[in-house]
Amino acid sequence: MTWDDLDDRLARVPGTVSAYVGRLDAPPAWTRAADATHYAASTMKVAVLVALHRAAEAGALDLDAPVPVVNEFDSALPGAPRFSCARHYDNDDAVWERLGGSAPLRWLAHRMIVRSSNLATNLVIGHVGLPAVADVWRLVGARHSVTGRGIEDFAARDDGITNLVTAADLAALLGALATGAARAGALASPAACAEMLDVLVAQEHREDLAAGLPPGTRIAHKNGWVRGVRHGAGVVFPDDAPPYAIVVCTTTDLADGGPSGDADDDACQLIADVSARVWAARHDL
C-alpha cells in the first residue's frame, strides 16, 4: 500500500473523509483534508476529560467527591430554557440509574469515555464550564475545533452554536496526552495524562480503529457517531514500533448506524480498514 493508494480510495467515498497519521512529536506521515471541519459527535468528550483533570489539578474540583446526578442543564444560548438528555439516545444505563442520586466526577468522566455517556458528559461540562474546554483546544494548538455547547442543547444548535473537530486537531490533542504521560506538558501532569490515557485505553466501543488492529494491541482512543458522521481518533502503542496517532473523520451517507454506533455501519468498517492499512505500515511512518 502507498499513501497515494489510500488517498485515492478515500477520494471515492461520498462526502468528506479526513485523516491524520503520524508518530508523536514528528511531522505526519500522511494526511488527507486534515483541516476540514466535521461535526464533532462524541470526540469532543476527550477535550472535556482534559478540562476536568486540569480543574482538579488546579484545586478547583475534587474528582472523588460525589456530585448530584441531574438531567437539567443550562443552554449555551443566553436566555434559552434549560435542556435535558434523552435516555434512549444515550449509551450507558449505569449513569441513568444514578439519576436523583450522586456520583463522583471521576466515575462520570470514565463513563463519558468508555461508554460515551451523554448524560455524564453534560454533568462534567456543568462543573468545568465550556471556557475550560476551549482552553484545552487552545493549549494543543487546535486551529478549527470548538466545543460550543453540551449534547442535545437543541436551542443552541438551532442558533448555530455547535461542536466541530478536525483530524489534525484531534491528533494534536491525543498526541499531547500521550507525550504528556511521559513528561510534563502544557495540558496536565504526567500522572494525570497517564490516568486519562488509561481511561481512553478502556474504551468499550471498539468497532472502528481498534477493529483494524491485532487483538490485544494497546490503543487509547475515542470515537463519535451520529447519523451521517463517524469518527475514530486514537494513539496506537505497538510493541515493535514507536506509538503513532491515527484519526479518521467521516461525514458521509455511509455513516448510517445511528446513535447505537453499529459495527455494521459502512463508515465504521471504512475506518477499521484504514486502521489496518496504517498498522501494516507502522514501521515506515
C-alpha atoms as a PDB file:
ATOM      1  CA  MET A   1       0.000   0.000   0.000  1.00  0.00           C
ATOM      2  CA  THR A   2       1.123   3.560  -0.688  1.00  0.00           C
ATOM      3  CA  TRP A   3      -0.402   6.653   0.856  1.00  0.00           C
ATOM      4  CA  ASP A   4      -1.481   7.710  -2.635  1.00  0.00           C
ATOM      5  CA  ASP A   5      -3.363   4.424  -2.984  1.00  0.00           C
ATOM      6  CA  LEU A   6      -5.177   5.038   0.286  1.00  0.00           C
ATOM      7  CA  ASP A   7      -5.914   8.629  -0.643  1.00  0.00           C
ATOM      8  CA  ASP A   8      -7.352   7.515  -3.982  1.00  0.00           C
ATOM      9  CA  ARG A   9      -9.578   5.016  -2.244  1.00  0.00           C
ATOM     10  CA  LEU A  10     -10.924   7.564   0.212  1.00  0.00           C
ATOM     11  CA  ALA A  11     -11.469  10.066  -2.598  1.00  0.00           C
ATOM     12  CA  ARG A  12     -14.108   7.693  -3.986  1.00  0.00           C
ATOM     13  CA  VAL A  13     -16.108   7.759  -0.737  1.00  0.00           C
ATOM     14  CA  PRO A  14     -19.131  10.077  -0.973  1.00  0.00           C
ATOM     15  CA  GLY A  15     -18.892  13.033   1.349  1.00  0.00           C
ATOM     16  CA  THR A  16     -15.803  14.179   3.224  1.00  0.00           C
ATOM     17  CA  VAL A  17     -13.168  11.847   4.666  1.00  0.00           C
ATOM     18  CA  SER A  18     -10.292  13.373   6.622  1.00  0.00           C
ATOM     19  CA  ALA A  19      -7.264  11.620   8.059  1.00  0.00           C
ATOM     20  CA  TYR A  20      -4.098  12.218  10.032  1.00  0.00           C
ATOM     21  CA  VAL A  21      -1.410   9.575  10.590  1.00  0.00           C
ATOM     22  CA  GLY A  22       1.954  10.115  12.209  1.00  0.00           C
ATOM     23  CA  ARG A  23       4.325   9.386  15.031  1.00  0.00           C
ATOM     24  CA  LEU A  24       4.198  11.596  18.089  1.00  0.00           C
ATOM     25  CA  ASP A  25       6.354  14.738  18.096  1.00  0.00           C
ATOM     26  CA  ALA A  26       7.055  14.369  14.385  1.00  0.00           C
ATOM     27  CA  PRO A  27       5.511  15.664  11.162  1.00  0.00           C
ATOM     28  CA  PRO A  28       2.646  13.476   9.931  1.00  0.00           C
ATOM     29  CA  ALA A  29       3.430  10.608   7.596  1.00  0.00           C
ATOM     30  CA  TRP A  30       0.155  11.162   5.747  1.00  0.00           C
ATOM     31  CA  THR A  31      -2.800  13.494   5.914  1.00  0.00           C
ATOM     32  CA  ARG A  32      -5.948  13.927   3.907  1.00  0.00           C
ATOM     33  CA  ALA A  33      -8.122  17.032   4.330  1.00  0.00           C
ATOM     34  CA  ALA A  34      -6.827  17.124   7.891  1.00  0.00           C
ATOM     35  CA  ASP A  35      -8.055  20.696   8.472  1.00  0.00           C
ATOM     36  CA  ALA A  36     -11.581  20.110   7.166  1.00  0.00           C
ATOM     37  CA  THR A  37     -14.156  20.628   9.901  1.00  0.00           C
ATOM     38  CA  HIS A  38     -16.639  17.922  10.859  1.00  0.00           C
ATOM     39  CA  TYR A  39     -19.414  17.862  13.392  1.00  0.00           C
ATOM     40  CA  ALA A  40     -17.581  16.569  16.460  1.00  0.00           C
ATOM     41  CA  ALA A  41     -20.103  13.991  17.719  1.00  0.00           C
ATOM     42  CA  SER A  42     -18.591  12.377  20.829  1.00  0.00           C
ATOM     43  CA  THR A  43     -14.938  13.019  20.010  1.00  0.00           C
ATOM     44  CA  MET A  44     -15.286  16.355  21.866  1.00  0.00           C
ATOM     45  CA  LYS A  45     -15.525  14.337  25.087  1.00  0.00           C
ATOM     46  CA  VAL A  46     -11.738  13.977  25.104  1.00  0.00           C
ATOM     47  CA  ALA A  47     -11.354  17.743  25.488  1.00  0.00           C
ATOM     48  CA  VAL A  48     -13.965  17.679  28.263  1.00  0.00           C
ATOM     49  CA  LEU A  49     -11.996  14.930  30.032  1.00  0.00           C
ATOM     50  CA  VAL A  50      -8.808  17.016  29.883  1.00  0.00           C
ATOM     51  CA  ALA A  51     -10.605  20.129  31.128  1.00  0.00           C
ATOM     52  CA  LEU A  52     -11.881  18.179  34.133  1.00  0.00           C
ATOM     53  CA  HIS A  53      -8.441  16.907  35.103  1.00  0.00           C
ATOM     54  CA  ARG A  54      -6.921  20.347  34.661  1.00  0.00           C
ATOM     55  CA  ALA A  55      -9.544  21.801  37.007  1.00  0.00           C
ATOM     56  CA  ALA A  56      -8.795  19.085  39.548  1.00  0.00           C
ATOM     57  CA  GLU A  57      -5.058  19.746  39.388  1.00  0.00           C
ATOM     58  CA  ALA A  58      -5.719  23.443  39.899  1.00  0.00           C
ATOM     59  CA  GLY A  59      -7.631  22.597  43.070  1.00  0.00           C
ATOM     60  CA  ALA A  60     -10.983  23.773  41.700  1.00  0.00           C
ATOM     61  CA  LEU A  61     -12.616  20.331  41.813  1.00  0.00           C
ATOM     62  CA  ASP A  62     -12.312  17.096  43.749  1.00  0.00           C
ATOM     63  CA  LEU A  63     -12.649  14.201  41.304  1.00  0.00           C
ATOM     64  CA  ASP A  64     -13.700  11.806  44.058  1.00  0.00           C
ATOM     65  CA  ALA A  65     -16.315  13.995  45.698  1.00  0.00           C
ATOM     66  CA  PRO A  66     -19.893  12.930  44.820  1.00  0.00           C
ATOM     67  CA  VAL A  67     -21.925  15.400  42.784  1.00  0.00           C
ATOM     68  CA  PRO A  68     -25.691  15.340  42.113  1.00  0.00           C
ATOM     69  CA  VAL A  69     -26.763  13.365  39.051  1.00  0.00           C
ATOM     70  CA  VAL A  70     -29.414  15.532  37.424  1.00  0.00           C
ATOM     71  CA  ASN A  71     -30.861  15.829  33.942  1.00  0.00           C
ATOM     72  CA  GLU A  72     -31.329  19.569  33.512  1.00  0.00           C
ATOM     73  CA  PHE A  73     -28.615  21.832  32.121  1.00  0.00           C
ATOM     74  CA  ASP A  74     -28.055  25.471  31.200  1.00  0.00           C
ATOM     75  CA  SER A  75     -28.135  26.113  27.478  1.00  0.00           C
ATOM     76  CA  ALA A  76     -25.141  27.689  25.770  1.00  0.00           C
ATOM     77  CA  LEU A  77     -27.621  30.095  24.167  1.00  0.00           C
ATOM     78  CA  PRO A  78     -28.213  33.008  26.562  1.00  0.00           C
ATOM     79  CA  GLY A  79     -31.846  33.241  27.618  1.00  0.00           C
ATOM     80  CA  ALA A  80     -32.796  29.792  26.297  1.00  0.00           C
ATOM     81  CA  PRO A  81     -34.610  27.399  28.620  1.00  0.00           C
ATOM     82  CA  ARG A  82     -32.668  24.637  30.327  1.00  0.00           C
ATOM     83  CA  PHE A  83     -32.417  21.383  28.398  1.00  0.00           C
ATOM     84  CA  SER A  84     -32.293  17.669  29.152  1.00  0.00           C
ATOM     85  CA  CYS A  85     -30.859  14.476  27.642  1.00  0.00           C
ATOM     86  CA  ALA A  86     -32.990  11.665  26.226  1.00  0.00           C
ATOM     87  CA  ARG A  87     -32.247   8.297  27.781  1.00  0.00           C
ATOM     88  CA  HIS A  88     -32.994   6.345  24.586  1.00  0.00           C
ATOM     89  CA  TYR A  89     -30.307   8.388  22.808  1.00  0.00           C
ATOM     90  CA  ASP A  90     -27.625   7.570  25.355  1.00  0.00           C
ATOM     91  CA  ASN A  91     -25.222   4.624  25.521  1.00  0.00           C
ATOM     92  CA  ASP A  92     -24.971   3.998  29.242  1.00  0.00           C
ATOM     93  CA  ASP A  93     -27.753   2.930  31.569  1.00  0.00           C
ATOM     94  CA  ALA A  94     -25.360   2.965  34.535  1.00  0.00           C
ATOM     95  CA  VAL A  95     -25.353   6.768  34.710  1.00  0.00           C
ATOM     96  CA  TRP A  96     -29.121   6.988  34.308  1.00  0.00           C
ATOM     97  CA  GLU A  97     -29.600   4.529  37.163  1.00  0.00           C
ATOM     98  CA  ARG A  98     -27.992   7.122  39.451  1.00  0.00           C
ATOM     99  CA  LEU A  99     -30.378   9.897  38.373  1.00  0.00           C
ATOM    100  CA  GLY A 100     -31.616  11.661  41.509  1.00  0.00           C
ATOM    101  CA  GLY A 101     -28.620  10.417  43.467  1.00  0.00           C
ATOM    102  CA  SER A 102     -24.944  11.228  43.210  1.00  0.00           C
ATOM    103  CA  ALA A 103     -21.700  10.017  41.648  1.00  0.00           C
ATOM    104  CA  PRO A 104     -18.045  11.068  41.751  1.00  0.00           C
ATOM    105  CA  LEU A 105     -16.793  13.190  38.872  1.00  0.00           C
ATOM    106  CA  ARG A 106     -14.007  10.680  38.206  1.00  0.00           C
ATOM    107  CA  TRP A 107     -16.598   7.937  37.668  1.00  0.00           C
ATOM    108  CA  LEU A 108     -18.739  10.176  35.459  1.00  0.00           C
ATOM    109  CA  ALA A 109     -15.690  11.049  33.347  1.00  0.00           C
ATOM    110  CA  HIS A 110     -14.901   7.361  32.951  1.00  0.00           C
ATOM    111  CA  ARG A 111     -18.448   6.598  31.750  1.00  0.00           C
ATOM    112  CA  MET A 112     -18.304   9.639  29.443  1.00  0.00           C
ATOM    113  CA  ILE A 113     -15.394   8.000  27.624  1.00  0.00           C
ATOM    114  CA  VAL A 114     -15.715   4.226  27.852  1.00  0.00           C
ATOM    115  CA  ARG A 115     -19.467   4.152  27.215  1.00  0.00           C
ATOM    116  CA  SER A 116     -19.749   7.618  25.610  1.00  0.00           C
ATOM    117  CA  SER A 117     -22.470   8.635  28.059  1.00  0.00           C
ATOM    118  CA  ASN A 118     -24.140  11.879  27.024  1.00  0.00           C
ATOM    119  CA  LEU A 119     -25.663  12.454  30.457  1.00  0.00           C
ATOM    120  CA  ALA A 120     -22.264  12.082  32.114  1.00  0.00           C
ATOM    121  CA  THR A 121     -20.749  14.471  29.574  1.00  0.00           C
ATOM    122  CA  ASN A 122     -23.234  17.231  30.303  1.00  0.00           C
ATOM    123  CA  LEU A 123     -22.759  16.740  34.036  1.00  0.00           C
ATOM    124  CA  VAL A 124     -18.996  17.127  33.674  1.00  0.00           C
ATOM    125  CA  ILE A 125     -19.372  20.185  31.425  1.00  0.00           C
ATOM    126  CA  GLY A 126     -21.662  21.672  34.043  1.00  0.00           C
ATOM    127  CA  HIS A 127     -18.825  21.504  36.573  1.00  0.00           C
ATOM    128  CA  VAL A 128     -15.882  22.599  34.417  1.00  0.00           C
ATOM    129  CA  GLY A 129     -17.602  25.071  32.070  1.00  0.00           C
ATOM    130  CA  LEU A 130     -17.251  25.441  28.315  1.00  0.00           C
ATOM    131  CA  PRO A 131     -14.470  28.084  28.582  1.00  0.00           C
ATOM    132  CA  ALA A 132     -12.256  25.475  30.259  1.00  0.00           C
ATOM    133  CA  VAL A 133     -12.834  23.124  27.334  1.00  0.00           C
ATOM    134  CA  ALA A 134     -11.948  25.940  24.922  1.00  0.00           C
ATOM    135  CA  ASP A 135      -8.689  26.402  26.852  1.00  0.00           C
ATOM    136  CA  VAL A 136      -7.787  22.770  26.168  1.00  0.00           C
ATOM    137  CA  TRP A 137      -8.182  23.216  22.426  1.00  0.00           C
ATOM    138  CA  ARG A 138      -6.117  26.398  22.582  1.00  0.00           C
ATOM    139  CA  LEU A 139      -3.312  24.755  24.545  1.00  0.00           C
ATOM    140  CA  VAL A 140      -2.847  21.974  21.992  1.00  0.00           C
ATOM    141  CA  GLY A 141      -2.766  24.458  19.126  1.00  0.00           C
ATOM    142  CA  ALA A 142      -6.106  23.473  17.641  1.00  0.00           C
ATOM    143  CA  ARG A 143      -6.919  25.753  14.729  1.00  0.00           C
ATOM    144  CA  HIS A 144     -10.522  24.909  13.950  1.00  0.00           C
ATOM    145  CA  SER A 145     -12.038  22.731  16.685  1.00  0.00           C
ATOM    146  CA  VAL A 146     -14.632  24.211  19.037  1.00  0.00           C
ATOM    147  CA  THR A 147     -16.866  22.875  21.785  1.00  0.00           C
ATOM    148  CA  GLY A 148     -19.655  25.399  21.845  1.00  0.00           C
ATOM    149  CA  ARG A 149     -22.413  23.540  23.641  1.00  0.00           C
ATOM    150  CA  GLY A 150     -23.412  20.453  25.545  1.00  0.00           C
ATOM    151  CA  ILE A 151     -25.037  17.417  23.984  1.00  0.00           C
ATOM    152  CA  GLU A 152     -28.701  17.778  22.983  1.00  0.00           C
ATOM    153  CA  ASP A 153     -28.671  21.531  23.601  1.00  0.00           C
ATOM    154  CA  PHE A 154     -31.013  21.991  20.662  1.00  0.00           C
ATOM    155  CA  ALA A 155     -31.747  25.669  21.267  1.00  0.00           C
ATOM    156  CA  ALA A 156     -28.029  26.436  20.928  1.00  0.00           C
ATOM    157  CA  ARG A 157     -27.709  24.128  17.948  1.00  0.00           C
ATOM    158  CA  ASP A 158     -30.569  25.803  16.133  1.00  0.00           C
ATOM    159  CA  ASP A 159     -28.901  29.165  16.762  1.00  0.00           C
ATOM    160  CA  GLY A 160     -25.705  27.972  15.081  1.00  0.00           C
ATOM    161  CA  ILE A 161     -23.725  27.131  18.217  1.00  0.00           C
ATOM    162  CA  THR A 162     -22.065  23.816  17.503  1.00  0.00           C
ATOM    163  CA  ASN A 163     -19.184  21.421  18.191  1.00  0.00           C
ATOM    164  CA  LEU A 164     -16.553  20.975  15.491  1.00  0.00           C
ATOM    165  CA  VAL A 165     -13.332  18.979  15.133  1.00  0.00           C
ATOM    166  CA  THR A 166     -10.662  18.367  12.537  1.00  0.00           C
ATOM    167  CA  ALA A 167      -8.439  15.331  12.136  1.00  0.00           C
ATOM    168  CA  ALA A 168      -5.342  17.460  12.739  1.00  0.00           C
ATOM    169  CA  ASP A 169      -6.720  18.997  15.930  1.00  0.00           C
ATOM    170  CA  LEU A 170      -7.796  15.628  17.353  1.00  0.00           C
ATOM    171  CA  ALA A 171      -4.337  14.242  16.598  1.00  0.00           C
ATOM    172  CA  ALA A 172      -2.772  17.214  18.404  1.00  0.00           C
ATOM    173  CA  LEU A 173      -4.984  16.670  21.456  1.00  0.00           C
ATOM    174  CA  LEU A 174      -4.351  12.943  21.738  1.00  0.00           C
ATOM    175  CA  GLY A 175      -0.675  13.360  20.941  1.00  0.00           C
ATOM    176  CA  ALA A 176      -0.343  15.923  23.728  1.00  0.00           C
ATOM    177  CA  LEU A 177      -1.902  13.473  26.174  1.00  0.00           C
ATOM    178  CA  ALA A 178       0.378  10.633  25.091  1.00  0.00           C
ATOM    179  CA  THR A 179       3.560  12.690  25.255  1.00  0.00           C
ATOM    180  CA  GLY A 180       2.417  14.381  28.459  1.00  0.00           C
ATOM    181  CA  ALA A 181       2.167  10.983  30.136  1.00  0.00           C
ATOM    182  CA  ALA A 182       5.936  10.628  29.696  1.00  0.00           C
ATOM    183  CA  ARG A 183       6.990  14.142  30.683  1.00  0.00           C
ATOM    184  CA  ALA A 184       5.491  17.349  31.979  1.00  0.00           C
ATOM    185  CA  GLY A 185       3.499  19.185  29.337  1.00  0.00           C
ATOM    186  CA  ALA A 186       1.100  22.043  28.867  1.00  0.00           C
ATOM    187  CA  LEU A 187      -2.055  20.015  29.448  1.00  0.00           C
ATOM    188  CA  ALA A 188      -1.553  18.351  32.811  1.00  0.00           C
ATOM    189  CA  SER A 189       0.978  16.500  34.957  1.00  0.00           C
ATOM    190  CA  PRO A 190       2.418  13.221  33.651  1.00  0.00           C
ATOM    191  CA  ALA A 191       0.361  11.329  36.242  1.00  0.00           C
ATOM    192  CA  ALA A 192      -2.885  12.994  35.147  1.00  0.00           C
ATOM    193  CA  CYS A 193      -2.096  12.430  31.460  1.00  0.00           C
ATOM    194  CA  ALA A 194      -1.328   8.770  32.173  1.00  0.00           C
ATOM    195  CA  GLU A 195      -4.628   8.383  34.009  1.00  0.00           C
ATOM    196  CA  MET A 196      -6.546   9.924  31.120  1.00  0.00           C
ATOM    197  CA  LEU A 197      -4.761   7.648  28.646  1.00  0.00           C
ATOM    198  CA  ASP A 198      -5.767   4.640  30.733  1.00  0.00           C
ATOM    199  CA  VAL A 199      -9.406   5.747  30.524  1.00  0.00           C
ATOM    200  CA  LEU A 200      -9.113   6.048  26.735  1.00  0.00           C
ATOM    201  CA  VAL A 201      -7.495   2.600  26.559  1.00  0.00           C
ATOM    202  CA  ALA A 202     -10.508   1.207  28.448  1.00  0.00           C
ATOM    203  CA  GLN A 203     -12.830   2.369  25.640  1.00  0.00           C
ATOM    204  CA  GLU A 204     -15.586  -0.215  25.173  1.00  0.00           C
ATOM    205  CA  HIS A 205     -16.743   0.932  21.713  1.00  0.00           C
ATOM    206  CA  ARG A 206     -14.079  -0.806  19.639  1.00  0.00           C
ATOM    207  CA  GLU A 207     -15.823  -1.184  16.286  1.00  0.00           C
ATOM    208  CA  ASP A 208     -13.670   1.195  14.222  1.00  0.00           C
ATOM    209  CA  LEU A 209      -9.968   1.945  14.833  1.00  0.00           C
ATOM    210  CA  ALA A 210      -9.471  -0.903  17.305  1.00  0.00           C
ATOM    211  CA  ALA A 211     -11.181  -3.362  14.955  1.00  0.00           C
ATOM    212  CA  GLY A 212      -8.404  -2.805  12.413  1.00  0.00           C
ATOM    213  CA  LEU A 213      -5.649  -3.767  14.863  1.00  0.00           C
ATOM    214  CA  PRO A 214      -4.401  -7.188  16.015  1.00  0.00           C
ATOM    215  CA  PRO A 215      -6.220  -8.337  19.173  1.00  0.00           C
ATOM    216  CA  GLY A 216      -4.564  -7.044  22.314  1.00  0.00           C
ATOM    217  CA  THR A 217      -2.917  -4.030  20.685  1.00  0.00           C
ATOM    218  CA  ARG A 218      -2.935  -1.082  23.078  1.00  0.00           C
ATOM    219  CA  ILE A 219      -4.850   1.896  21.725  1.00  0.00           C
ATOM    220  CA  ALA A 220      -6.032   4.976  23.587  1.00  0.00           C
ATOM    221  CA  HIS A 221      -8.984   6.207  21.571  1.00  0.00           C
ATOM    222  CA  LYS A 222     -12.360   7.876  21.364  1.00  0.00           C
ATOM    223  CA  ASN A 223     -14.909   7.596  18.610  1.00  0.00           C
ATOM    224  CA  GLY A 224     -18.033   9.510  17.775  1.00  0.00           C
ATOM    225  CA  TRP A 225     -21.093   8.965  15.657  1.00  0.00           C
ATOM    226  CA  VAL A 226     -24.449  10.334  14.692  1.00  0.00           C
ATOM    227  CA  ARG A 227     -26.291   9.585  11.511  1.00  0.00           C
ATOM    228  CA  GLY A 228     -24.107  10.846   8.670  1.00  0.00           C
ATOM    229  CA  VAL A 229     -20.976  11.089  10.836  1.00  0.00           C
ATOM    230  CA  ARG A 230     -18.442   8.552  12.111  1.00  0.00           C
ATOM    231  CA  HIS A 231     -15.047   9.417  13.574  1.00  0.00           C
ATOM    232  CA  GLY A 232     -12.222   7.498  15.209  1.00  0.00           C
ATOM    233  CA  ALA A 233      -9.269   9.187  16.929  1.00  0.00           C
ATOM    234  CA  GLY A 234      -6.519   7.478  18.862  1.00  0.00           C
ATOM    235  CA  VAL A 235      -2.906   6.752  19.688  1.00  0.00           C
ATOM    236  CA  VAL A 236      -1.674   3.229  18.965  1.00  0.00           C
ATOM    237  CA  PHE A 237       1.151   1.692  21.015  1.00  0.00           C
ATOM    238  CA  PRO A 238       2.732  -1.184  19.041  1.00  0.00           C
ATOM    239  CA  ASP A 239       5.174  -3.498  20.816  1.00  0.00           C
ATOM    240  CA  ASP A 240       7.565  -3.357  17.868  1.00  0.00           C
ATOM    241  CA  ALA A 241       7.381   0.280  16.702  1.00  0.00           C
ATOM    242  CA  PRO A 242       7.011   3.787  18.160  1.00  0.00           C
ATOM    243  CA  PRO A 243       3.488   4.921  19.063  1.00  0.00           C
ATOM    244  CA  TYR A 244       1.528   6.789  16.438  1.00  0.00           C
ATOM    245  CA  ALA A 245      -1.558   8.951  16.188  1.00  0.00           C
ATOM    246  CA  ILE A 246      -4.333   7.977  13.811  1.00  0.00           C
ATOM    247  CA  VAL A 247      -7.502   9.963  13.201  1.00  0.00           C
ATOM    248  CA  VAL A 248     -10.167   9.323  10.581  1.00  0.00           C
ATOM    249  CA  CYS A 249     -13.174  11.657  10.402  1.00  0.00           C
ATOM    250  CA  THR A 250     -16.020  10.935   8.025  1.00  0.00           C
ATOM    251  CA  THR A 251     -19.052  12.974   7.104  1.00  0.00           C
ATOM    252  CA  THR A 252     -20.813  10.703   4.679  1.00  0.00           C
ATOM    253  CA  ASP A 253     -24.050   8.912   3.900  1.00  0.00           C
ATOM    254  CA  LEU A 254     -22.147   5.676   4.591  1.00  0.00           C
ATOM    255  CA  ALA A 255     -22.446   6.503   8.293  1.00  0.00           C
ATOM    256  CA  ASP A 256     -25.931   5.074   8.742  1.00  0.00           C
ATOM    257  CA  GLY A 257     -25.503   3.295  12.074  1.00  0.00           C
ATOM    258  CA  GLY A 258     -27.347   5.962  14.035  1.00  0.00           C
ATOM    259  CA  PRO A 259     -26.824   6.553  17.759  1.00  0.00           C
ATOM    260  CA  SER A 260     -26.029   2.917  18.540  1.00  0.00           C
ATOM    261  CA  GLY A 261     -22.681   3.013  16.713  1.00  0.00           C
ATOM    262  CA  ASP A 262     -23.461  -0.218  14.886  1.00  0.00           C
ATOM    263  CA  ALA A 263     -20.345  -2.148  13.805  1.00  0.00           C
ATOM    264  CA  ASP A 264     -22.128  -2.970  10.522  1.00  0.00           C
ATOM    265  CA  ASP A 265     -22.050   0.720   9.619  1.00  0.00           C
ATOM    266  CA  ASP A 266     -20.118   1.111   6.347  1.00  0.00           C
ATOM    267  CA  ALA A 267     -18.227   4.174   7.604  1.00  0.00           C
ATOM    268  CA  CYS A 268     -17.244   2.253  10.721  1.00  0.00           C
ATOM    269  CA  GLN A 269     -15.836  -0.541   8.567  1.00  0.00           C
ATOM    270  CA  LEU A 270     -14.026   2.010   6.405  1.00  0.00           C
ATOM    271  CA  ILE A 271     -12.234   3.407   9.459  1.00  0.00           C
ATOM    272  CA  ALA A 272     -11.298  -0.108  10.573  1.00  0.00           C
ATOM    273  CA  ASP A 273      -9.826  -0.773   7.140  1.00  0.00           C
ATOM    274  CA  VAL A 274      -7.765   2.426   7.216  1.00  0.00           C
ATOM    275  CA  SER A 275      -6.542   1.462  10.683  1.00  0.00           C
ATOM    276  CA  ALA A 276      -5.459  -1.966   9.423  1.00  0.00           C
ATOM    277  CA  ARG A 277      -3.573  -0.438   6.498  1.00  0.00           C
ATOM    278  CA  VAL A 278      -1.786   2.035   8.739  1.00  0.00           C
ATOM    279  CA  TRP A 279      -0.875  -0.756  11.159  1.00  0.00           C
ATOM    280  CA  ALA A 280       0.712  -2.654   8.278  1.00  0.00           C
ATOM    281  CA  ALA A 281       2.837   0.439   7.532  1.00  0.00           C
ATOM    282  CA  ARG A 282       3.692   1.207  11.186  1.00  0.00           C
ATOM    283  CA  HIS A 283       7.458   0.662  10.726  1.00  0.00           C
ATOM    284  CA  ASP A 284       7.585   3.231   7.925  1.00  0.00           C
ATOM    285  CA  LEU A 285       5.692   6.134   9.499  1.00  0.00           C
END
